[in-house]
């Protein structure tokens, strides 16, 4: 099993978005954890869990696409305690997870 993690730094390097996606894909990780991430990053994994956008907590500091953590996995997941967020274009399920304050 391959697990990888990367702090994307709130996508400060937006001009390198394609390169970031390429690097994430090249890791071929079974589980990929992105912190300080952005919903503009979409990877070809069957399932993704992500925290709610941080703009909900501090709208003056964050863009509406930013979130704290996204976890991509190649494994099927049981999500009975998580609510399903909207499916994105490729019909892959995304789940929003509320973080405790």
PDB file of N, CA and C in Angstrom:
ATOM      1  N   UNK A   1       0.850  -1.173   0.000  1.00  0.00           N
ATOM      2  CA  UNK A   1       0.000   0.000   0.000  1.00  0.00           C
ATOM      3  C   UNK A   1       0.899   1.240   0.000  1.00  0.00           C
ATOM      4  N   UNK A   2       0.552   2.196  -0.857  1.00  0.00           N
ATOM      5  CA  UNK A   2       1.301   3.443  -0.940  1.00  0.00           C
ATOM      6  C   UNK A   2       0.436   4.583  -0.419  1.00  0.00           C
ATOM      7  N   UNK A   3       0.979   5.323   0.546  1.00  0.00           N
ATOM      8  CA  UNK A   3       0.283   6.479   1.110  1.00  0.00           C
ATOM      9  C   UNK A   3       1.181   7.695   0.907  1.00  0.00           C
ATOM     10  N   UNK A   4       0.598   8.776   0.408  1.00  0.00           N
ATOM     11  CA  UNK A   4       1.362   9.999   0.175  1.00  0.00           C
ATOM     12  C   UNK A   4       0.604  11.184   0.764  1.00  0.00           C
ATOM     13  N   UNK A   5       1.348  12.202   1.165  1.00  0.00           N
ATOM     14  CA  UNK A   5       0.740  13.423   1.702  1.00  0.00           C
ATOM     15  C   UNK A   5       1.483  14.630   1.132  1.00  0.00           C
ATOM     16  N   UNK A   6       0.740  15.716   0.933  1.00  0.00           N
ATOM     17  CA  UNK A   6       1.342  16.929   0.381  1.00  0.00           C
ATOM     18  C   UNK A   6       0.558  18.131   0.893  1.00  0.00           C
ATOM     19  N   UNK A   7       1.280  19.134   1.406  1.00  0.00           N
ATOM     20  CA  UNK A   7       0.672  20.402   1.775  1.00  0.00           C
ATOM     21  C   UNK A   7       0.720  21.284   0.530  1.00  0.00           C
ATOM     22  N   UNK A   8      -0.420  21.562  -0.032  1.00  0.00           N
ATOM     23  CA  UNK A   8      -0.505  22.301  -1.292  1.00  0.00           C
ATOM     24  C   UNK A   8      -0.393  23.814  -1.067  1.00  0.00           C
ATOM     25  N   UNK A   9      -0.379  24.244   0.171  1.00  0.00           N
ATOM     26  CA  UNK A   9      -0.201  25.656   0.533  1.00  0.00           C
ATOM     27  C   UNK A   9      -1.253  26.569  -0.089  1.00  0.00           C
ATOM     28  N   UNK A  10      -2.507  26.149   0.049  1.00  0.00           N
ATOM     29  CA  UNK A  10      -3.647  26.960  -0.403  1.00  0.00           C
ATOM     30  C   UNK A  10      -3.554  27.314  -1.880  1.00  0.00           C
ATOM     31  N   UNK A  11      -2.906  26.482  -2.621  1.00  0.00           N
ATOM     32  CA  UNK A  11      -2.761  26.648  -4.067  1.00  0.00           C
ATOM     33  C   UNK A  11      -2.180  28.024  -4.411  1.00  0.00           C
ATOM     34  N   UNK A  12      -1.154  28.418  -3.632  1.00  0.00           N
ATOM     35  CA  UNK A  12      -0.470  29.687  -3.900  1.00  0.00           C
ATOM     36  C   UNK A  12       0.125  29.701  -5.302  1.00  0.00           C
ATOM     37  N   UNK A  13       0.453  28.528  -5.803  1.00  0.00           N
ATOM     38  CA  UNK A  13       1.100  28.416  -7.106  1.00  0.00           C
ATOM     39  C   UNK A  13       0.075  27.984  -8.153  1.00  0.00           C
ATOM     40  N   UNK A  14      -1.011  28.741  -8.244  1.00  0.00           N
ATOM     41  CA  UNK A  14      -2.115  28.373  -9.124  1.00  0.00           C
ATOM     42  C   UNK A  14      -1.657  28.212 -10.570  1.00  0.00           C
ATOM     43  N   UNK A  15      -0.643  28.953 -10.966  1.00  0.00           N
ATOM     44  CA  UNK A  15      -0.145  28.838 -12.337  1.00  0.00           C
ATOM     45  C   UNK A  15       0.433  27.450 -12.597  1.00  0.00           C
ATOM     46  N   UNK A  16       0.729  26.717 -11.528  1.00  0.00           N
ATOM     47  CA  UNK A  16       1.286  25.372 -11.659  1.00  0.00           C
ATOM     48  C   UNK A  16       0.256  24.293 -11.358  1.00  0.00           C
ATOM     49  N   UNK A  17      -1.020  24.631 -11.471  1.00  0.00           N
ATOM     50  CA  UNK A  17      -2.088  23.680 -11.153  1.00  0.00           C
ATOM     51  C   UNK A  17      -1.938  22.381 -11.949  1.00  0.00           C
ATOM     52  N   UNK A  18      -1.695  22.489 -13.239  1.00  0.00           N
ATOM     53  CA  UNK A  18      -1.549  21.272 -14.061  1.00  0.00           C
ATOM     54  C   UNK A  18      -0.371  20.427 -13.592  1.00  0.00           C
ATOM     55  N   UNK A  19       0.702  21.082 -13.207  1.00  0.00           N
ATOM     56  CA  UNK A  19       1.892  20.348 -12.732  1.00  0.00           C
ATOM     57  C   UNK A  19       1.615  19.664 -11.384  1.00  0.00           C
ATOM     58  N   UNK A  20       0.874  20.349 -10.519  1.00  0.00           N
ATOM     59  CA  UNK A  20       0.510  19.770  -9.222  1.00  0.00           C
ATOM     60  C   UNK A  20      -0.329  18.510  -9.433  1.00  0.00           C
ATOM     61  N   UNK A  21      -1.313  18.596 -10.319  1.00  0.00           N
ATOM     62  CA  UNK A  21      -2.170  17.439 -10.607  1.00  0.00           C
ATOM     63  C   UNK A  21      -1.332  16.307 -11.197  1.00  0.00           C
ATOM     64  N   UNK A  22      -0.419  16.642 -12.095  1.00  0.00           N
ATOM     65  CA  UNK A  22       0.450  15.623 -12.694  1.00  0.00           C
ATOM     66  C   UNK A  22       1.319  14.937 -11.639  1.00  0.00           C
ATOM     67  N   UNK A  23       1.903  15.718 -10.740  1.00  0.00           N
ATOM     68  CA  UNK A  23       2.744  15.138  -9.680  1.00  0.00           C
ATOM     69  C   UNK A  23       1.933  14.220  -8.768  1.00  0.00           C
ATOM     70  N   UNK A  24       0.736  14.643  -8.424  1.00  0.00           N
ATOM     71  CA  UNK A  24      -0.123  13.805  -7.571  1.00  0.00           C
ATOM     72  C   UNK A  24      -0.459  12.498  -8.279  1.00  0.00           C
ATOM     73  N   UNK A  25      -0.749  12.570  -9.554  1.00  0.00           N
ATOM     74  CA  UNK A  25      -1.093  11.364 -10.315  1.00  0.00           C
ATOM     75  C   UNK A  25       0.107  10.429 -10.444  1.00  0.00           C
ATOM     76  N   UNK A  26       1.291  11.005 -10.595  1.00  0.00           N
ATOM     77  CA  UNK A  26       2.494  10.178 -10.768  1.00  0.00           C
ATOM     78  C   UNK A  26       2.874   9.416  -9.505  1.00  0.00           C
ATOM     79  N   UNK A  27       2.408   9.852  -8.342  1.00  0.00           N
ATOM     80  CA  UNK A  27       2.755   9.140  -7.108  1.00  0.00           C
ATOM     81  C   UNK A  27       2.162   7.740  -7.098  1.00  0.00           C
ATOM     82  N   UNK A  28       1.044   7.586  -7.830  1.00  0.00           N
ATOM     83  CA  UNK A  28       0.330   6.302  -7.869  1.00  0.00           C
ATOM     84  C   UNK A  28       0.011   5.797  -6.459  1.00  0.00           C
ATOM     85  N   UNK A  29      -0.270   6.734  -5.567  1.00  0.00           N
ATOM     86  CA  UNK A  29      -0.585   6.377  -4.185  1.00  0.00           C
ATOM     87  C   UNK A  29      -1.969   5.743  -4.098  1.00  0.00           C
ATOM     88  N   UNK A  30      -2.098   4.782  -3.204  1.00  0.00           N
ATOM     89  CA  UNK A  30      -3.404   4.187  -2.937  1.00  0.00           C
ATOM     90  C   UNK A  30      -4.266   5.147  -2.130  1.00  0.00           C
ATOM     91  N   UNK A  31      -3.609   5.902  -1.256  1.00  0.00           N
ATOM     92  CA  UNK A  31      -4.270   6.937  -0.458  1.00  0.00           C
ATOM     93  C   UNK A  31      -3.418   8.186  -0.569  1.00  0.00           C
ATOM     94  N   UNK A  32      -4.037   9.291  -0.965  1.00  0.00           N
ATOM     95  CA  UNK A  32      -3.328  10.558  -1.112  1.00  0.00           C
ATOM     96  C   UNK A  32      -4.021  11.596  -0.250  1.00  0.00           C
ATOM     97  N   UNK A  33      -3.271  12.224   0.649  1.00  0.00           N
ATOM     98  CA  UNK A  33      -3.813  13.242   1.545  1.00  0.00           C
ATOM     99  C   UNK A  33      -3.238  14.588   1.133  1.00  0.00           C
ATOM    100  N   UNK A  34      -4.111  15.519   0.778  1.00  0.00           N
ATOM    101  CA  UNK A  34      -3.689  16.879   0.444  1.00  0.00           C
ATOM    102  C   UNK A  34      -4.182  17.803   1.548  1.00  0.00           C
ATOM    103  N   UNK A  35      -3.275  18.587   2.103  1.00  0.00           N
ATOM    104  CA  UNK A  35      -3.657  19.561   3.129  1.00  0.00           C
ATOM    105  C   UNK A  35      -3.548  20.962   2.560  1.00  0.00           C
ATOM    106  N   UNK A  36      -4.252  21.905   3.194  1.00  0.00           N
ATOM    107  CA  UNK A  36      -4.343  23.281   2.705  1.00  0.00           C
ATOM    108  C   UNK A  36      -4.593  23.255   1.205  1.00  0.00           C
ATOM    109  N   UNK A  37      -5.647  22.574   0.820  1.00  0.00           N
ATOM    110  CA  UNK A  37      -5.879  22.291  -0.591  1.00  0.00           C
ATOM    111  C   UNK A  37      -7.005  23.134  -1.176  1.00  0.00           C
ATOM    112  N   UNK A  38      -7.358  22.825  -2.390  1.00  0.00           N
ATOM    113  CA  UNK A  38      -8.327  23.608  -3.140  1.00  0.00           C
ATOM    114  C   UNK A  38      -9.151  22.649  -3.992  1.00  0.00           C
ATOM    115  N   UNK A  39     -10.424  22.935  -4.123  1.00  0.00           N
ATOM    116  CA  UNK A  39     -11.299  22.052  -4.908  1.00  0.00           C
ATOM    117  C   UNK A  39     -11.020  22.114  -6.399  1.00  0.00           C
ATOM    118  N   UNK A  40     -10.165  23.010  -6.826  1.00  0.00           N
ATOM    119  CA  UNK A  40      -9.777  23.050  -8.234  1.00  0.00           C
ATOM    120  C   UNK A  40      -8.889  21.860  -8.595  1.00  0.00           C
ATOM    121  N   UNK A  41      -8.317  21.234  -7.586  1.00  0.00           N
ATOM    122  CA  UNK A  41      -7.508  20.037  -7.795  1.00  0.00           C
ATOM    123  C   UNK A  41      -8.458  18.850  -7.814  1.00  0.00           C
ATOM    124  N   UNK A  42      -8.567  18.206  -8.952  1.00  0.00           N
ATOM    125  CA  UNK A  42      -9.421  17.028  -9.110  1.00  0.00           C
ATOM    126  C   UNK A  42      -8.554  15.905  -9.665  1.00  0.00           C
ATOM    127  N   UNK A  43      -8.546  14.810  -8.960  1.00  0.00           N
ATOM    128  CA  UNK A  43      -7.682  13.692  -9.330  1.00  0.00           C
ATOM    129  C   UNK A  43      -8.517  12.468  -9.688  1.00  0.00           C
ATOM    130  N   UNK A  44      -7.976  11.597 -10.529  1.00  0.00           N
ATOM    131  CA  UNK A  44      -8.742  10.427 -10.997  1.00  0.00           C
ATOM    132  C   UNK A  44      -8.772   9.271 -10.002  1.00  0.00           C
ATOM    133  N   UNK A  45      -9.312   9.530  -8.827  1.00  0.00           N
ATOM    134  CA  UNK A  45      -9.476   8.484  -7.813  1.00  0.00           C
ATOM    135  C   UNK A  45     -10.954   8.150  -7.712  1.00  0.00           C
ATOM    136  N   UNK A  46     -11.285   6.912  -7.383  1.00  0.00           N
ATOM    137  CA  UNK A  46     -12.697   6.535  -7.300  1.00  0.00           C
ATOM    138  C   UNK A  46     -13.456   7.214  -6.156  1.00  0.00           C
ATOM    139  N   UNK A  47     -12.761   7.646  -5.107  1.00  0.00           N
ATOM    140  CA  UNK A  47     -13.454   8.247  -3.968  1.00  0.00           C
ATOM    141  C   UNK A  47     -12.602   9.360  -3.363  1.00  0.00           C
ATOM    142  N   UNK A  48     -13.268  10.409  -2.919  1.00  0.00           N
ATOM    143  CA  UNK A  48     -12.573  11.547  -2.304  1.00  0.00           C
ATOM    144  C   UNK A  48     -13.386  12.027  -1.108  1.00  0.00           C
ATOM    145  N   UNK A  49     -12.697  12.277  -0.004  1.00  0.00           N
ATOM    146  CA  UNK A  49     -13.299  12.887   1.179  1.00  0.00           C
ATOM    147  C   UNK A  49     -12.653  14.255   1.336  1.00  0.00           C
ATOM    148  N   UNK A  50     -13.445  15.242   1.671  1.00  0.00           N
ATOM    149  CA  UNK A  50     -12.856  16.560   1.888  1.00  0.00           C
ATOM    150  C   UNK A  50     -13.606  17.305   2.983  1.00  0.00           C
ATOM    151  N   UNK A  51     -12.873  18.161   3.662  1.00  0.00           N
ATOM    152  CA  UNK A  51     -13.504  19.003   4.664  1.00  0.00           C
ATOM    153  C   UNK A  51     -14.345  20.052   3.949  1.00  0.00           C
ATOM    154  N   UNK A  52     -15.256  20.642   4.670  1.00  0.00           N
ATOM    155  CA  UNK A  52     -16.053  21.721   4.102  1.00  0.00           C
ATOM    156  C   UNK A  52     -15.135  22.879   3.731  1.00  0.00           C
ATOM    157  N   UNK A  53     -15.547  23.709   2.788  1.00  0.00           N
ATOM    158  CA  UNK A  53     -14.711  24.857   2.433  1.00  0.00           C
ATOM    159  C   UNK A  53     -14.423  25.724   3.660  1.00  0.00           C
ATOM    160  N   UNK A  54     -13.188  26.190   3.773  1.00  0.00           N
ATOM    161  CA  UNK A  54     -12.835  26.996   4.938  1.00  0.00           C
ATOM    162  C   UNK A  54     -13.467  28.373   4.890  1.00  0.00           C
ATOM    163  N   UNK A  55     -13.985  28.768   3.758  1.00  0.00           N
ATOM    164  CA  UNK A  55     -14.665  30.053   3.669  1.00  0.00           C
ATOM    165  C   UNK A  55     -15.875  30.089   4.594  1.00  0.00           C
ATOM    166  N   UNK A  56     -16.440  28.927   4.888  1.00  0.00           N
ATOM    167  CA  UNK A  56     -17.574  28.843   5.814  1.00  0.00           C
ATOM    168  C   UNK A  56     -17.155  29.355   7.190  1.00  0.00           C
ATOM    169  N   UNK A  57     -15.924  29.037   7.600  1.00  0.00           N
ATOM    170  CA  UNK A  57     -15.423  29.444   8.918  1.00  0.00           C
ATOM    171  C   UNK A  57     -14.914  30.883   8.925  1.00  0.00           C
ATOM    172  N   UNK A  58     -14.178  31.262   7.890  1.00  0.00           N
ATOM    173  CA  UNK A  58     -13.550  32.588   7.828  1.00  0.00           C
ATOM    174  C   UNK A  58     -13.657  33.153   6.415  1.00  0.00           C
ATOM    175  N   UNK A  59     -14.821  33.655   6.034  1.00  0.00           N
ATOM    176  CA  UNK A  59     -15.020  34.096   4.652  1.00  0.00           C
ATOM    177  C   UNK A  59     -14.091  35.226   4.223  1.00  0.00           C
ATOM    178  N   UNK A  60     -13.606  35.987   5.169  1.00  0.00           N
ATOM    179  CA  UNK A  60     -12.733  37.103   4.819  1.00  0.00           C
ATOM    180  C   UNK A  60     -11.312  36.665   4.474  1.00  0.00           C
ATOM    181  N   UNK A  61     -10.945  35.441   4.820  1.00  0.00           N
ATOM    182  CA  UNK A  61      -9.562  34.994   4.627  1.00  0.00           C
ATOM    183  C   UNK A  61      -9.373  33.979   3.493  1.00  0.00           C
ATOM    184  N   UNK A  62     -10.442  33.316   3.064  1.00  0.00           N
ATOM    185  CA  UNK A  62     -10.285  32.193   2.146  1.00  0.00           C
ATOM    186  C   UNK A  62     -11.152  32.331   0.905  1.00  0.00           C
ATOM    187  N   UNK A  63     -10.695  31.731  -0.181  1.00  0.00           N
ATOM    188  CA  UNK A  63     -11.508  31.637  -1.398  1.00  0.00           C
ATOM    189  C   UNK A  63     -12.540  30.528  -1.199  1.00  0.00           C
ATOM    190  N   UNK A  64     -13.621  30.589  -1.933  1.00  0.00           N
ATOM    191  CA  UNK A  64     -14.708  29.602  -1.761  1.00  0.00           C
ATOM    192  C   UNK A  64     -14.297  28.188  -2.154  1.00  0.00           C
ATOM    193  N   UNK A  65     -13.208  28.018  -2.883  1.00  0.00           N
ATOM    194  CA  UNK A  65     -12.776  26.682  -3.309  1.00  0.00           C
ATOM    195  C   UNK A  65     -11.772  26.040  -2.353  1.00  0.00           C
ATOM    196  N   UNK A  66     -11.290  26.780  -1.368  1.00  0.00           N
ATOM    197  CA  UNK A  66     -10.268  26.255  -0.461  1.00  0.00           C
ATOM    198  C   UNK A  66     -10.878  25.374   0.633  1.00  0.00           C
ATOM    199  N   UNK A  67     -10.179  24.289   0.948  1.00  0.00           N
ATOM    200  CA  UNK A  67     -10.577  23.468   2.084  1.00  0.00           C
ATOM    201  C   UNK A  67      -9.333  22.945   2.796  1.00  0.00           C
ATOM    202  N   UNK A  68      -9.505  22.489   4.016  1.00  0.00           N
ATOM    203  CA  UNK A  68      -8.351  22.097   4.828  1.00  0.00           C
ATOM    204  C   UNK A  68      -7.701  20.806   4.348  1.00  0.00           C
ATOM    205  N   UNK A  69      -8.526  19.787   4.096  1.00  0.00           N
ATOM    206  CA  UNK A  69      -7.972  18.465   3.766  1.00  0.00           C
ATOM    207  C   UNK A  69      -8.827  17.787   2.699  1.00  0.00           C
ATOM    208  N   UNK A  70      -8.153  17.151   1.746  1.00  0.00           N
ATOM    209  CA  UNK A  70      -8.806  16.245   0.797  1.00  0.00           C
ATOM    210  C   UNK A  70      -8.076  14.916   0.869  1.00  0.00           C
ATOM    211  N   UNK A  71      -8.835  13.851   0.976  1.00  0.00           N
ATOM    212  CA  UNK A  71      -8.246  12.507   1.022  1.00  0.00           C
ATOM    213  C   UNK A  71      -8.790  11.727  -0.171  1.00  0.00           C
ATOM    214  N   UNK A  72      -7.893  11.335  -1.042  1.00  0.00           N
ATOM    215  CA  UNK A  72      -8.250  10.538  -2.222  1.00  0.00           C
ATOM    216  C   UNK A  72      -7.861   9.101  -1.950  1.00  0.00           C
ATOM    217  N   UNK A  73      -8.711   8.169  -2.386  1.00  0.00           N
ATOM    218  CA  UNK A  73      -8.398   6.769  -2.167  1.00  0.00           C
ATOM    219  C   UNK A  73      -8.838   5.911  -3.346  1.00  0.00           C
ATOM    220  N   UNK A  74      -8.069   4.864  -3.583  1.00  0.00           N
ATOM    221  CA  UNK A  74      -8.414   3.899  -4.626  1.00  0.00           C
ATOM    222  C   UNK A  74      -9.319   2.794  -4.070  1.00  0.00           C
ATOM    223  N   UNK A  75      -9.587   2.834  -2.767  1.00  0.00           N
ATOM    224  CA  UNK A  75     -10.395   1.814  -2.113  1.00  0.00           C
ATOM    225  C   UNK A  75     -11.847   2.252  -2.018  1.00  0.00           C
ATOM    226  N   UNK A  76     -12.746   1.284  -2.091  1.00  0.00           N
ATOM    227  CA  UNK A  76     -14.155   1.561  -1.857  1.00  0.00           C
ATOM    228  C   UNK A  76     -14.319   1.965  -0.396  1.00  0.00           C
ATOM    229  N   UNK A  77     -15.201   2.895  -0.139  1.00  0.00           N
ATOM    230  CA  UNK A  77     -15.356   3.410   1.217  1.00  0.00           C
ATOM    231  C   UNK A  77     -16.805   3.319   1.669  1.00  0.00           C
ATOM    232  N   UNK A  78     -16.975   3.012   2.927  1.00  0.00           N
ATOM    233  CA  UNK A  78     -18.282   3.048   3.535  1.00  0.00           C
ATOM    234  C   UNK A  78     -18.402   4.391   4.236  1.00  0.00           C
ATOM    235  N   UNK A  79     -19.438   5.122   3.917  1.00  0.00           N
ATOM    236  CA  UNK A  79     -19.535   6.498   4.404  1.00  0.00           C
ATOM    237  C   UNK A  79     -20.807   6.741   5.177  1.00  0.00           C
ATOM    238  N   UNK A  80     -21.148   5.859   6.061  1.00  0.00           N
ATOM    239  CA  UNK A  80     -22.412   5.980   6.775  1.00  0.00           C
ATOM    240  C   UNK A  80     -22.464   7.210   7.680  1.00  0.00           C
ATOM    241  N   UNK A  81     -21.307   7.697   8.161  1.00  0.00           N
ATOM    242  CA  UNK A  81     -21.333   8.851   9.059  1.00  0.00           C
ATOM    243  C   UNK A  81     -21.023  10.151   8.339  1.00  0.00           C
ATOM    244  N   UNK A  82     -20.736  10.082   7.076  1.00  0.00           N
ATOM    245  CA  UNK A  82     -20.403  11.283   6.317  1.00  0.00           C
ATOM    246  C   UNK A  82     -21.513  11.553   5.321  1.00  0.00           C
ATOM    247  N   UNK A  83     -21.807  12.788   5.104  1.00  0.00           N
ATOM    248  CA  UNK A  83     -22.858  13.070   4.145  1.00  0.00           C
ATOM    249  C   UNK A  83     -22.260  13.244   2.759  1.00  0.00           C
ATOM    250  N   UNK A  84     -22.968  12.758   1.776  1.00  0.00           N
ATOM    251  CA  UNK A  84     -22.462  12.853   0.419  1.00  0.00           C
ATOM    252  C   UNK A  84     -22.638  14.266  -0.086  1.00  0.00           C
ATOM    253  N   UNK A  85     -21.571  14.809  -0.609  1.00  0.00           N
ATOM    254  CA  UNK A  85     -21.582  16.118  -1.244  1.00  0.00           C
ATOM    255  C   UNK A  85     -21.975  15.882  -2.695  1.00  0.00           C
ATOM    256  N   UNK A  86     -22.064  16.899  -3.483  1.00  0.00           N
ATOM    257  CA  UNK A  86     -22.422  16.697  -4.886  1.00  0.00           C
ATOM    258  C   UNK A  86     -21.368  15.873  -5.616  1.00  0.00           C
ATOM    259  N   UNK A  87     -21.800  15.145  -6.605  1.00  0.00           N
ATOM    260  CA  UNK A  87     -20.852  14.404  -7.434  1.00  0.00           C
ATOM    261  C   UNK A  87     -20.277  15.378  -8.454  1.00  0.00           C
ATOM    262  N   UNK A  88     -18.998  15.234  -8.746  1.00  0.00           N
ATOM    263  CA  UNK A  88     -18.456  16.143  -9.741  1.00  0.00           C
ATOM    264  C   UNK A  88     -18.622  15.547 -11.134  1.00  0.00           C
ATOM    265  N   UNK A  89     -18.096  16.219 -12.134  1.00  0.00           N
ATOM    266  CA  UNK A  89     -18.348  15.884 -13.532  1.00  0.00           C
ATOM    267  C   UNK A  89     -18.148  14.416 -13.876  1.00  0.00           C
ATOM    268  N   UNK A  90     -17.157  13.786 -13.278  1.00  0.00           N
ATOM    269  CA  UNK A  90     -16.882  12.402 -13.644  1.00  0.00           C
ATOM    270  C   UNK A  90     -17.673  11.404 -12.797  1.00  0.00           C
ATOM    271  N   UNK A  91     -18.698  11.875 -12.108  1.00  0.00           N
ATOM    272  CA  UNK A  91     -19.600  11.039 -11.304  1.00  0.00           C
ATOM    273  C   UNK A  91     -18.916  10.338 -10.145  1.00  0.00           C
ATOM    274  N   UNK A  92     -17.770  10.795  -9.744  1.00  0.00           N
ATOM    275  CA  UNK A  92     -17.065  10.221  -8.602  1.00  0.00           C
ATOM    276  C   UNK A  92     -17.670  10.822  -7.340  1.00  0.00           C
ATOM    277  N   UNK A  93     -17.972  10.027  -6.328  1.00  0.00           N
ATOM    278  CA  UNK A  93     -18.569  10.599  -5.115  1.00  0.00           C
ATOM    279  C   UNK A  93     -17.560  11.435  -4.318  1.00  0.00           C
ATOM    280  N   UNK A  94     -18.034  12.551  -3.813  1.00  0.00           N
ATOM    281  CA  UNK A  94     -17.243  13.398  -2.928  1.00  0.00           C
ATOM    282  C   UNK A  94     -18.029  13.532  -1.640  1.00  0.00           C
ATOM    283  N   UNK A  95     -17.344  13.527  -0.536  1.00  0.00           N
ATOM    284  CA  UNK A  95     -17.991  13.601   0.757  1.00  0.00           C
ATOM    285  C   UNK A  95     -17.417  14.763   1.540  1.00  0.00           C
ATOM    286  N   UNK A  96     -18.279  15.556   2.120  1.00  0.00           N
ATOM    287  CA  UNK A  96     -17.831  16.645   2.968  1.00  0.00           C
ATOM    288  C   UNK A  96     -17.844  16.181   4.408  1.00  0.00           C
ATOM    289  N   UNK A  97     -16.808  16.532   5.130  1.00  0.00           N
ATOM    290  CA  UNK A  97     -16.684  16.118   6.517  1.00  0.00           C
ATOM    291  C   UNK A  97     -16.586  17.371   7.378  1.00  0.00           C
ATOM    292  N   UNK A  98     -17.467  17.502   8.357  1.00  0.00           N
ATOM    293  CA  UNK A  98     -17.400  18.651   9.259  1.00  0.00           C
ATOM    294  C   UNK A  98     -16.298  18.407  10.275  1.00  0.00           C
ATOM    295  N   UNK A  99     -15.444  19.408  10.426  1.00  0.00           N
ATOM    296  CA  UNK A  99     -14.348  19.316  11.394  1.00  0.00           C
ATOM    297  C   UNK A  99     -14.800  19.935  12.706  1.00  0.00           C
ATOM    298  N   UNK A 100     -14.425  19.365  13.846  1.00  0.00           N
ATOM    299  CA  UNK A 100     -14.785  19.976  15.128  1.00  0.00           C
ATOM    300  C   UNK A 100     -14.083  21.306  15.291  1.00  0.00           C
ATOM    301  N   UNK A 101     -14.721  22.225  15.965  1.00  0.00           N
ATOM    302  CA  UNK A 101     -14.109  23.544  16.189  1.00  0.00           C
ATOM    303  C   UNK A 101     -13.263  23.553  17.418  1.00  0.00           C
TER     304      UNK A 101
END
